[in-house]
Protein backbone atom coordinates (compact mmCIF):
# COMPACT_ATOMS: atom_id res chain seq x y z
CA UNK A 1 17.47 -4.89 -21.34
CA UNK A 2 21.17 -5.30 -22.15
CA UNK A 3 22.79 -8.66 -21.42
CA UNK A 4 25.34 -7.42 -18.80
CA UNK A 5 22.61 -5.68 -16.83
CA UNK A 6 20.39 -8.75 -16.99
CA UNK A 7 23.30 -10.92 -15.88
CA UNK A 8 23.95 -8.65 -12.88
CA UNK A 9 20.29 -8.82 -11.88
CA UNK A 10 20.28 -12.62 -12.14
CA UNK A 11 23.42 -12.83 -9.98
CA UNK A 12 21.87 -10.54 -7.37
CA UNK A 13 18.69 -12.60 -7.39
CA UNK A 14 20.79 -15.72 -6.88
CA UNK A 15 22.47 -14.12 -3.86
CA UNK A 16 19.05 -13.14 -2.49
CA UNK A 17 17.77 -16.69 -2.85
CA UNK A 18 20.83 -18.12 -1.07
CA UNK A 19 21.03 -15.38 1.61
CA UNK A 20 18.78 -16.97 4.30
CA UNK A 21 21.17 -19.94 4.53
CA UNK A 22 23.97 -17.60 5.64
CA UNK A 23 22.16 -14.80 7.53
CA UNK A 24 19.23 -14.41 9.91
CA UNK A 25 16.05 -14.49 7.77
CA UNK A 26 14.11 -12.00 9.93
CA UNK A 27 16.91 -9.45 9.55
CA UNK A 28 16.97 -10.01 5.79
CA UNK A 29 13.20 -9.61 5.54
CA UNK A 30 13.39 -6.32 7.42
CA UNK A 31 15.92 -5.07 4.86
CA UNK A 32 13.68 -6.18 2.00
CA UNK A 33 10.65 -4.43 3.51
CA UNK A 34 12.55 -1.17 3.97
CA UNK A 35 14.07 -1.46 0.49
CA UNK A 36 10.57 -1.66 -1.00
CA UNK A 37 9.46 1.26 1.18
CA UNK A 38 12.41 3.36 -0.02
CA UNK A 39 11.74 2.36 -3.65
CA UNK A 40 8.13 3.51 -3.26
CA UNK A 41 9.31 6.85 -1.90
CA UNK A 42 11.95 7.12 -4.64
CA UNK A 43 9.19 6.80 -7.25
CA UNK A 44 7.79 10.05 -5.89
CA UNK A 45 10.99 11.97 -5.16
CA UNK A 46 13.47 10.55 -7.65
CA UNK A 47 11.24 10.39 -10.71
CA UNK A 48 8.62 13.09 -10.06
CA UNK A 49 10.46 15.55 -7.85
CA UNK A 50 7.89 15.52 -5.04
CA UNK A 51 9.30 15.48 -1.50
CA UNK A 52 6.80 13.98 0.92
CA UNK A 53 7.32 14.08 4.69
CA UNK A 54 4.26 11.90 5.31
CA UNK A 55 5.03 8.48 3.86
CA UNK A 56 5.15 6.92 7.30
CA UNK A 57 1.35 7.20 7.40
CA UNK A 58 1.05 4.81 4.46
CA UNK A 59 3.76 2.45 5.71
CA UNK A 60 2.49 2.18 9.28
CA UNK A 61 -1.20 2.64 8.44
CA UNK A 62 -1.18 -0.36 6.11
CA UNK A 63 0.65 -2.35 8.80
CA UNK A 64 -2.06 -1.56 11.36
CA UNK A 65 -4.81 -2.36 8.86
CA UNK A 66 -3.29 -5.66 7.72
CA UNK A 67 -2.44 -6.64 11.30
CA UNK A 68 -5.98 -5.97 12.54
CA UNK A 69 -7.48 -8.01 9.72
CA UNK A 70 -5.10 -10.94 10.22
CA UNK A 71 -5.31 -11.05 14.03
CA UNK A 72 -8.87 -9.97 14.85
CA UNK A 73 -10.78 -10.80 11.67
CA UNK A 74 -9.09 -14.08 10.79
CA UNK A 75 -8.08 -12.91 7.31
CA UNK A 76 -5.21 -14.77 5.62
CA UNK A 77 -1.84 -13.08 5.06
CA UNK A 78 -2.26 -12.60 1.30
CA UNK A 79 -5.69 -10.99 1.68
CA UNK A 80 -4.55 -8.97 4.69
CA UNK A 81 -1.60 -7.53 2.78
CA UNK A 82 -3.80 -6.80 -0.26
CA UNK A 83 -6.37 -4.93 1.84
CA UNK A 84 -3.54 -3.09 3.61
CA UNK A 85 -2.33 -1.90 0.21
CA UNK A 86 -5.83 -0.70 -0.68
CA UNK A 87 -6.06 1.13 2.64
CA UNK A 88 -2.72 2.87 1.97
CA UNK A 89 -3.86 3.79 -1.55
CA UNK A 90 -7.11 5.28 -0.19
CA UNK A 91 -5.19 7.23 2.46
CA UNK A 92 -2.77 8.36 -0.26
CA UNK A 93 -5.67 9.57 -2.38
CA UNK A 94 -6.98 11.58 0.58
CA UNK A 95 -3.65 13.17 1.51
CA UNK A 96 -2.46 13.52 -2.09
CA UNK A 97 -5.71 15.13 -3.17
CA UNK A 98 -5.08 17.91 -0.68
CA UNK A 99 -1.30 18.20 -0.96
CA UNK A 100 -0.71 18.27 -4.73
CA UNK A 101 -2.49 21.59 -5.01
CA UNK A 102 0.68 23.13 -3.58
CA UNK A 103 4.32 22.95 -4.65
CA UNK A 104 7.73 22.82 -3.03
CA UNK A 105 8.01 23.18 0.71
CA UNK A 106 4.27 23.83 1.01
CA UNK A 107 3.55 20.39 -0.46
CA UNK A 108 6.03 18.80 1.96
CA UNK A 109 4.60 20.56 5.00
CA UNK A 110 1.02 19.59 4.12
CA UNK A 111 2.00 15.92 3.83
CA UNK A 112 3.79 16.16 7.18
CA UNK A 113 0.83 17.81 8.91
CA UNK A 114 -1.72 15.33 7.57
CA UNK A 115 0.52 12.37 8.40
CA UNK A 116 0.93 13.61 11.97
CA UNK A 117 -2.85 13.89 12.24
CA UNK A 118 -3.01 10.22 11.26
CA UNK A 119 -0.34 9.45 13.87
CA UNK A 120 -2.51 10.93 16.64
CA UNK A 121 -5.50 8.96 15.36
CA UNK A 122 -3.45 5.77 15.71
CA UNK A 123 -2.31 6.89 19.17
CA UNK A 124 -5.88 7.39 20.41
CA UNK A 125 -7.69 4.59 18.57
CA UNK A 126 -8.48 1.68 20.94
CA UNK A 127 -7.95 -0.92 18.20
CA UNK A 128 -4.35 0.17 17.60
CA UNK A 129 -3.16 -0.62 21.12
CA UNK A 130 -1.94 2.95 21.62
CA UNK A 131 1.58 3.24 23.02
CA UNK A 132 1.69 -0.52 23.68
CA UNK A 133 1.49 -1.23 19.96
CA UNK A 134 -0.48 -3.84 18.07
CA UNK A 135 0.85 -7.23 19.18
CA UNK A 136 0.38 -10.85 18.19
CA UNK A 137 -0.10 -10.63 14.42
CA UNK A 138 -0.22 -14.25 13.20
CA UNK A 139 1.70 -15.42 10.17
CA UNK A 140 -0.82 -18.11 9.21
CA UNK A 141 -0.42 -19.89 5.92
CA UNK A 142 -0.44 -18.85 2.30
CA UNK A 143 -3.60 -20.03 0.53
CA UNK A 144 -3.72 -22.98 2.91
CA UNK A 145 -0.68 -24.51 1.18
CA UNK A 146 2.51 -22.88 2.51
CA UNK A 147 3.17 -22.58 6.24
CA UNK A 148 4.50 -19.09 6.87
CA UNK A 149 5.46 -19.98 10.45
CA UNK A 150 8.58 -21.34 8.84
CA UNK A 151 11.10 -18.46 8.51
CA UNK A 152 12.45 -19.80 5.23
CA UNK A 153 9.00 -20.00 3.62
CA UNK A 154 8.17 -16.51 4.84
CA UNK A 155 11.47 -15.16 3.51
CA UNK A 156 10.80 -16.36 -0.01
CA UNK A 157 7.27 -14.96 0.17
CA UNK A 158 8.66 -11.55 1.20
CA UNK A 159 11.37 -11.78 -1.47
CA UNK A 160 8.71 -12.47 -4.12
CA UNK A 161 6.70 -9.43 -2.95
CA UNK A 162 9.80 -7.20 -3.01
CA UNK A 163 10.90 -8.35 -6.47
CA UNK A 164 7.36 -7.88 -7.79
CA UNK A 165 7.29 -4.37 -6.30
CA UNK A 166 10.60 -3.43 -7.91
CA UNK A 167 9.51 -4.85 -11.28
CA UNK A 168 6.27 -2.87 -11.07
CA UNK A 169 8.19 0.34 -10.30
CA UNK A 170 10.57 -0.34 -13.18
CA UNK A 171 7.60 -0.80 -15.49
CA UNK A 172 6.11 2.49 -14.34
CA UNK A 173 9.23 4.57 -14.93
CA UNK A 174 9.91 3.09 -18.38
CA UNK A 175 6.33 3.57 -19.57
CA UNK A 176 5.00 6.72 -21.32
CA UNK A 177 3.43 7.61 -17.98
CA UNK A 178 6.89 7.48 -16.38
CA UNK A 179 8.35 9.69 -19.10
CA UNK A 180 5.74 12.33 -18.29
CA UNK A 181 6.67 12.08 -14.62
CA UNK A 182 10.32 12.76 -15.52
CA UNK A 183 9.23 15.71 -17.65
CA UNK A 184 7.31 17.13 -14.68
CA UNK A 185 10.38 16.77 -12.49
CA UNK A 186 12.70 18.43 -15.00
CA UNK A 187 10.45 21.27 -16.11
CA UNK A 188 6.87 21.39 -14.85
CA UNK A 189 5.86 24.61 -16.68
CA UNK A 190 6.99 23.09 -19.97
CA UNK A 191 4.98 19.91 -19.28
CA UNK A 192 1.93 22.10 -18.67
CA UNK A 193 2.55 24.02 -21.89
CA UNK A 194 2.59 20.70 -23.79
CA UNK A 195 -0.94 20.06 -22.63
CA UNK A 196 -0.36 17.54 -19.83
CA UNK A 197 -2.69 17.79 -16.83
CA UNK A 198 0.19 17.82 -14.37
CA UNK A 199 -1.88 17.60 -11.19
CA UNK A 200 -3.55 14.41 -12.41
CA UNK A 201 -0.19 12.78 -13.05
CA UNK A 202 1.14 13.88 -9.67
CA UNK A 203 -1.98 12.63 -7.91
CA UNK A 204 -1.78 9.23 -9.60
CA UNK A 205 1.92 8.74 -8.84
CA UNK A 206 1.31 9.83 -5.24
CA UNK A 207 -1.38 7.15 -4.85
CA UNK A 208 0.85 4.53 -6.50
CA UNK A 209 3.72 5.46 -4.19
CA UNK A 210 1.43 5.28 -1.17
CA UNK A 211 0.12 1.85 -2.22
CA UNK A 212 3.66 0.49 -2.63
CA UNK A 213 4.64 1.94 0.75
CA UNK A 214 1.58 0.19 2.16
CA UNK A 215 2.74 -3.07 0.59
CA UNK A 216 6.06 -2.69 2.40
CA UNK A 217 4.36 -1.80 5.70
CA UNK A 218 1.91 -4.71 5.54
CA UNK A 219 4.76 -7.09 4.75
CA UNK A 220 6.86 -5.85 7.66
CA UNK A 221 3.91 -6.25 10.06
CA UNK A 222 3.55 -9.87 8.96
CA UNK A 223 7.28 -10.50 9.37
CA UNK A 224 7.70 -8.93 12.82
CA UNK A 225 4.30 -9.93 14.19
CA UNK A 226 3.56 -6.50 15.62
CA UNK A 227 2.99 -2.87 14.64
CA UNK A 228 3.98 0.18 16.69
CA UNK A 229 3.53 3.94 16.63
CA UNK A 230 7.14 4.28 15.47
CA UNK A 231 6.05 3.19 12.00
CA UNK A 232 3.56 6.06 11.65
CA UNK A 233 5.69 8.74 13.31
CA UNK A 234 7.35 11.50 11.29
CA UNK A 235 10.77 10.04 12.13
CA UNK A 236 9.96 7.05 9.93
CA UNK A 237 9.31 9.46 7.05
CA UNK A 238 12.70 10.99 7.76
CA UNK A 239 14.31 7.55 7.79
CA UNK A 240 13.00 6.64 4.35
CA UNK A 241 14.22 9.98 2.98
CA UNK A 242 17.63 9.19 4.47
CA UNK A 243 17.67 5.72 2.85
CA UNK A 244 16.77 7.14 -0.54
CA UNK A 245 19.31 9.96 -0.48
CA UNK A 246 22.14 7.79 0.83
CA UNK A 247 21.46 5.05 -1.73
CA UNK A 248 20.83 7.34 -4.67
CA UNK A 249 17.80 9.38 -5.72
CA UNK A 250 16.39 8.48 -9.12
CA UNK A 251 18.12 5.09 -9.34
CA UNK A 252 16.55 1.65 -9.10
CA UNK A 253 19.28 0.14 -6.93
CA UNK A 254 19.63 3.19 -4.68
CA UNK A 255 16.73 2.44 -2.32
CA UNK A 256 17.97 -1.11 -1.73
CA UNK A 257 21.53 0.04 -1.03
CA UNK A 258 20.28 2.82 1.24
CA UNK A 259 18.02 0.44 3.19
CA UNK A 260 20.87 -2.05 3.53
CA UNK A 261 23.29 0.59 4.85
CA UNK A 262 20.87 2.16 7.34
CA UNK A 263 19.46 -1.12 8.72
CA UNK A 264 22.96 -2.56 9.07
CA UNK A 265 24.05 0.57 10.94
CA UNK A 266 21.11 0.33 13.32
CA UNK A 267 22.07 -3.23 14.21
CA UNK A 268 25.87 -3.06 14.05
CA UNK A 269 26.80 0.47 15.11
CA UNK A 270 27.55 -0.74 18.64
CA UNK A 271 30.08 -3.27 17.36
CA UNK A 272 31.64 -0.63 15.12
CA UNK A 273 31.96 1.72 18.10
CA UNK A 274 33.65 -0.93 20.23
CA UNK A 275 36.11 -1.65 17.41
CA UNK A 276 36.95 2.04 16.99
CA UNK A 277 37.38 2.39 20.75
CA UNK A 278 39.89 -0.46 20.76
CA UNK A 279 42.03 0.82 17.89
CA UNK A 280 41.96 4.49 18.93
CA UNK A 281 41.75 4.17 22.73
CA UNK A 282 38.93 6.73 22.68
CA UNK A 283 36.29 5.50 25.13
CA UNK A 284 33.57 7.73 23.63
CA UNK A 285 33.20 5.34 20.71
CA UNK A 286 31.78 2.73 23.11
CA UNK A 287 28.64 4.86 23.40
CA UNK A 288 27.93 4.84 19.67
CA UNK A 289 25.43 2.03 20.11
CA UNK A 290 23.27 4.42 22.12
CA UNK A 291 23.70 7.22 19.57
CA UNK A 292 22.88 5.56 16.25
CA UNK A 293 21.13 8.70 15.03
CA UNK A 294 24.40 10.64 15.33
CA UNK A 295 26.16 8.08 13.14
CA UNK A 296 23.42 7.98 10.52
CA UNK A 297 23.26 11.77 10.54
CA UNK A 298 27.00 12.03 9.88
CA UNK A 299 26.74 9.49 7.07
CA UNK A 300 23.84 11.44 5.60
CA UNK A 301 25.83 14.70 5.67
CA UNK A 302 28.86 13.00 4.13
CA UNK A 303 26.85 11.39 1.32
CA UNK A 304 24.98 14.59 0.49
CA UNK A 305 28.20 16.61 0.36
CA UNK A 306 30.43 14.05 -1.37
CA UNK A 307 28.00 12.06 -3.51
CA UNK A 308 25.23 14.20 -4.94
CA UNK A 309 23.50 11.13 -6.41
CA UNK A 310 24.13 8.81 -3.46
CA UNK A 311 26.28 5.71 -3.22
CA UNK A 312 24.82 4.13 -6.37
CA UNK A 313 25.26 7.42 -8.23
CA UNK A 314 29.04 6.98 -8.01
CA UNK A 315 28.82 4.19 -10.56
CA UNK A 316 26.18 5.69 -12.83
CA UNK A 317 26.39 8.53 -15.29
CA UNK A 318 24.32 11.67 -14.85
């Protein structure tokens, strides 16, 4: 790694370490969880060229699994998150095993259909709490040593998970395995002609992406203390696609930037609308807080049309 790039990463890590002293830790942890979720999705779309509409199943499913273990089975947070990741990987193996046999829009539609089936399972299952959601997930303590009831302790735990996830993804894409994934994205027939068993590579990266999405979902469940059907609905899959495309597909920083922009918009769009209403005297802007999807949709259209590689892509070469 070149020195300037390493220096930038160290500076960003320093900002992340200092951030909870200047901003609300829960809000920051939500951004970190979504950034990891978007990075997991980007591994599939940005580096393999597979567009999944079903990643919410892994994100929310792992959250339900980890939450149930931590609240009803008395499992600690570290073990609960680990088992949640395994659950997401197993679900990814099931969905991926069926979906990778198809390509293009057919692959996307199969992932969407199977994920929606999982959504209705979560809706009907008594253990999930149905429309009321799964409430009261305890934070507990980490290995009996660190009290995660403290927001600051929990923040650094979530930060460590997120950094580890990003490092793992970086290791994947720079490995020979990652180079094959890029070859599949660029020219799948040529990769097949070179003797690579393409479906095996796509299946493995799908499971890895699902496991990392599960890591993000389990972490968010621990942070918020609850899990809802929103996290397994198809709209969550659409949200992570939006984060990835806005930030920059096929870039390491893109998912983080996309998650930051979208989460900030969800929380601050009302204030932005009030400000625009004051300076333009157009009362309609006051209603922006109730129409956050309109704002995010407009930003999505603008980014796709103006920045083909997302916001991060502006500063990187093709």
